[in-house]
Amino acid sequence: MNLRKFKIELENALNSMKEEFIKSVSLRSSAGAVEELVIEYEGEKYTIRDLAQINRKNPKVLALSFSNFPQTIPTVLQALSDSGMNLNPQQDGVSVFIPIPKVTREHREGLAKNANKIFNKYKSSMKEIQTKYMKRLEAKQDEGLSQEMFFILRDQVTAFVNQYISQAEKMTADKNHELLGEG
């Protein structure tokens, strides 16, 4: 069994969780978060940055110009509304204006709830990785792996998964503290 490959899979899950926190669980509905929002159009995936010119009309409003891809506007409007960033986009011709909302307690709590959902998704992913490698170990045992070595490797797999889940829990607790200002 390749423990290095196993650890890389766990590391990738943890890094994906970090990236999802950065993109989806931010107090500020920043231009960066809007730019990176993924839109599916005609079977292809694009970021808003790929489809629109993005400018700050003023500190509280983002202006997106879709002059090159006006046909994507309905899809973009839906994605912005469904993004969980508490956005209410307004269309004017080929332009979309996004008022940046004031961060309310309710919005913070919604973001914290989303952070917990993201954590649970990646915790499940790590458990699936564990199950996959445990099945491989059991197959190796059937192929002649000693019982002693099986138990050693099984314990290592469990310890690694618990270690990565613990890191993910800490990241989630830190994110919730950042969002809610609580310990």
Protein backbone atom coordinates (compact mmCIF):
# COMPACT_ATOMS: atom_id res chain seq x y z
CA MET A 1 0.00 0.00 0.00
CA ASN A 2 1.30 3.42 -0.95
CA LEU A 3 1.06 5.60 2.17
CA ARG A 4 2.59 8.56 0.33
CA LYS A 5 -0.23 8.53 -2.22
CA PHE A 6 -2.74 8.14 0.63
CA LYS A 7 -1.36 11.21 2.43
CA ILE A 8 -1.42 13.21 -0.83
CA GLU A 9 -5.13 12.40 -1.27
CA LEU A 10 -5.84 13.59 2.28
CA GLU A 11 -3.72 16.71 1.74
CA ASN A 12 -5.61 17.46 -1.49
CA ALA A 13 -8.95 17.18 0.35
CA LEU A 14 -7.72 19.57 3.05
CA ASN A 15 -6.40 22.04 0.45
CA SER A 16 -9.69 21.89 -1.47
CA MET A 17 -11.51 22.70 1.75
CA LYS A 18 -9.21 25.69 2.33
CA GLU A 19 -9.87 26.94 -1.20
CA GLU A 20 -13.62 26.52 -0.78
CA PHE A 21 -13.46 28.49 2.49
CA ILE A 22 -11.62 31.30 0.71
CA LYS A 23 -14.10 31.38 -2.18
CA SER A 24 -17.38 30.70 -0.38
CA VAL A 25 -17.04 31.74 3.24
CA SER A 26 -15.72 35.29 3.26
CA LEU A 27 -17.07 38.19 5.29
CA ARG A 28 -16.55 40.53 2.40
CA SER A 29 -18.33 39.95 -0.87
CA SER A 30 -15.16 41.07 -2.56
CA ALA A 31 -14.53 41.59 -6.23
CA GLY A 32 -12.19 38.60 -6.01
CA ALA A 33 -14.93 36.29 -4.77
CA VAL A 34 -17.28 37.47 -7.52
CA GLU A 35 -14.56 37.15 -10.19
CA GLU A 36 -13.88 33.53 -9.22
CA LEU A 37 -17.53 32.45 -9.16
CA VAL A 38 -17.91 29.54 -11.61
CA ILE A 39 -20.69 29.71 -14.18
CA GLU A 40 -21.78 26.78 -16.32
CA TYR A 41 -22.87 27.89 -19.78
CA GLU A 42 -23.59 25.58 -22.73
CA GLY A 43 -21.85 22.69 -20.97
CA GLU A 44 -18.63 24.64 -20.30
CA LYS A 45 -17.42 26.17 -17.03
CA TYR A 46 -16.26 29.77 -16.88
CA THR A 47 -15.42 32.22 -14.14
CA ILE A 48 -17.17 35.58 -14.20
CA ARG A 49 -13.73 37.08 -14.87
CA ASP A 50 -13.69 35.11 -18.17
CA LEU A 51 -17.03 36.56 -19.24
CA ALA A 52 -17.12 40.15 -17.97
CA GLN A 53 -15.09 43.26 -17.36
CA ILE A 54 -15.25 43.99 -13.63
CA ASN A 55 -14.97 47.49 -12.17
CA ARG A 56 -15.80 49.10 -8.86
CA LYS A 57 -18.39 51.77 -9.54
CA ASN A 58 -17.90 52.95 -5.95
CA PRO A 59 -16.83 51.22 -2.70
CA LYS A 60 -20.28 49.67 -2.31
CA VAL A 61 -21.07 48.64 -5.92
CA LEU A 62 -19.36 46.34 -8.43
CA ALA A 63 -20.08 46.89 -12.11
CA LEU A 64 -19.82 43.95 -14.51
CA SER A 65 -19.90 44.59 -18.26
CA PHE A 66 -20.99 41.63 -20.40
CA SER A 67 -20.70 43.42 -23.75
CA ASN A 68 -18.75 40.46 -25.21
CA PHE A 69 -21.01 37.73 -23.76
CA PRO A 70 -24.47 39.25 -23.18
CA GLN A 71 -26.14 35.84 -23.67
CA THR A 72 -24.59 34.65 -20.38
CA ILE A 73 -26.28 37.33 -18.25
CA PRO A 74 -29.32 35.25 -17.11
CA THR A 75 -27.03 32.39 -16.04
CA VAL A 76 -24.69 34.80 -14.24
CA LEU A 77 -27.57 36.53 -12.43
CA GLN A 78 -28.85 33.17 -11.19
CA ALA A 79 -25.36 32.08 -10.07
CA LEU A 80 -24.82 35.36 -8.20
CA SER A 81 -28.18 35.04 -6.45
CA ASP A 82 -27.46 31.41 -5.51
CA SER A 83 -23.84 32.03 -4.46
CA GLY A 84 -24.50 32.36 -0.74
CA MET A 85 -22.66 35.71 -0.78
CA ASN A 86 -25.84 37.63 0.07
CA LEU A 87 -25.79 39.41 -3.32
CA ASN A 88 -28.69 41.06 -5.12
CA PRO A 89 -27.48 41.75 -8.69
CA GLN A 90 -29.32 44.29 -10.87
CA GLN A 91 -29.21 44.18 -14.68
CA ASP A 92 -29.11 47.27 -16.90
CA GLY A 93 -28.67 46.29 -20.55
CA VAL A 94 -25.36 44.41 -20.88
CA SER A 95 -24.24 45.58 -17.44
CA VAL A 96 -24.85 43.98 -14.07
CA PHE A 97 -24.49 46.03 -10.90
CA ILE A 98 -23.87 44.28 -7.60
CA PRO A 99 -24.46 46.26 -4.41
CA ILE A 100 -22.06 44.94 -1.78
CA PRO A 101 -24.25 44.22 1.25
CA LYS A 102 -23.51 45.38 4.76
CA VAL A 103 -22.36 42.42 6.82
CA THR A 104 -25.17 41.59 9.24
CA ARG A 105 -25.20 39.11 12.11
CA GLU A 106 -27.63 36.98 10.09
CA HIS A 107 -25.20 36.95 7.15
CA ARG A 108 -22.31 35.98 9.45
CA GLU A 109 -24.38 33.11 10.88
CA GLY A 110 -25.26 31.96 7.37
CA LEU A 111 -21.58 31.95 6.42
CA ALA A 112 -20.72 29.98 9.56
CA LYS A 113 -23.41 27.44 8.70
CA ASN A 114 -21.95 27.18 5.20
CA ALA A 115 -18.45 26.67 6.68
CA ASN A 116 -19.80 23.77 8.74
CA LYS A 117 -21.42 22.24 5.63
CA ILE A 118 -18.13 22.52 3.76
CA PHE A 119 -16.29 20.88 6.68
CA ASN A 120 -18.77 17.99 6.77
CA LYS A 121 -18.41 17.49 3.01
CA TYR A 122 -14.61 17.21 3.26
CA LYS A 123 -14.76 15.11 6.43
CA SER A 124 -16.90 12.64 4.47
CA SER A 125 -14.42 12.81 1.61
CA MET A 126 -11.56 11.95 3.98
CA LYS A 127 -13.58 9.06 5.45
CA GLU A 128 -14.17 7.77 1.90
CA ILE A 129 -10.42 7.89 1.26
CA GLN A 130 -9.93 5.94 4.50
CA THR A 131 -12.47 3.32 3.43
CA LYS A 132 -10.83 2.95 0.02
CA TYR A 133 -7.41 2.33 1.57
CA MET A 134 -8.81 -0.01 4.24
CA LYS A 135 -10.32 -2.15 1.47
CA ARG A 136 -6.95 -2.22 -0.27
CA LEU A 137 -5.34 -3.30 3.00
CA GLU A 138 -7.86 -6.10 3.43
CA ALA A 139 -7.11 -7.25 -0.12
CA LYS A 140 -3.38 -7.27 0.72
CA GLN A 141 -4.14 -9.35 3.79
CA ASP A 142 -5.89 -11.88 1.53
CA GLU A 143 -2.75 -11.85 -0.64
CA GLY A 144 -0.55 -12.79 2.30
CA LEU A 145 0.07 -9.60 4.30
CA SER A 146 0.74 -10.66 7.87
CA GLN A 147 -1.88 -9.89 10.49
CA GLU A 148 0.67 -7.90 12.50
CA MET A 149 1.55 -5.71 9.49
CA PHE A 150 -2.15 -5.33 8.65
CA PHE A 151 -2.87 -3.96 12.14
CA ILE A 152 0.13 -1.60 11.99
CA LEU A 153 -0.95 -0.21 8.61
CA ARG A 154 -4.62 -0.04 9.62
CA ASP A 155 -3.67 1.99 12.69
CA GLN A 156 -1.51 4.31 10.55
CA VAL A 157 -4.34 4.89 8.08
CA THR A 158 -6.75 5.68 10.92
CA ALA A 159 -4.22 7.97 12.62
CA PHE A 160 -3.54 9.91 9.40
CA VAL A 161 -7.25 10.37 8.69
CA ASN A 162 -7.91 11.50 12.26
CA GLN A 163 -4.98 13.93 12.02
CA TYR A 164 -6.31 15.51 8.81
CA ILE A 165 -9.88 15.64 10.12
CA SER A 166 -8.54 17.33 13.25
CA GLN A 167 -6.79 19.94 11.07
CA ALA A 168 -10.03 20.48 9.15
CA GLU A 169 -11.95 20.86 12.44
CA LYS A 170 -9.45 23.48 13.62
CA MET A 171 -9.73 25.36 10.31
CA THR A 172 -13.52 25.33 10.67
CA ALA A 173 -13.38 26.51 14.30
CA ASP A 174 -10.97 29.31 13.29
CA LYS A 175 -13.26 30.30 10.41
CA ASN A 176 -16.31 30.34 12.70
CA HIS A 177 -14.39 32.45 15.22
CA GLU A 178 -13.45 34.87 12.42
CA LEU A 179 -17.06 35.02 11.20
CA LEU A 180 -18.86 35.18 14.52
CA GLY A 181 -16.18 36.65 16.78
CA GLU A 182 -16.71 33.82 19.25
CA GLY A 183 -14.39 31.23 20.72
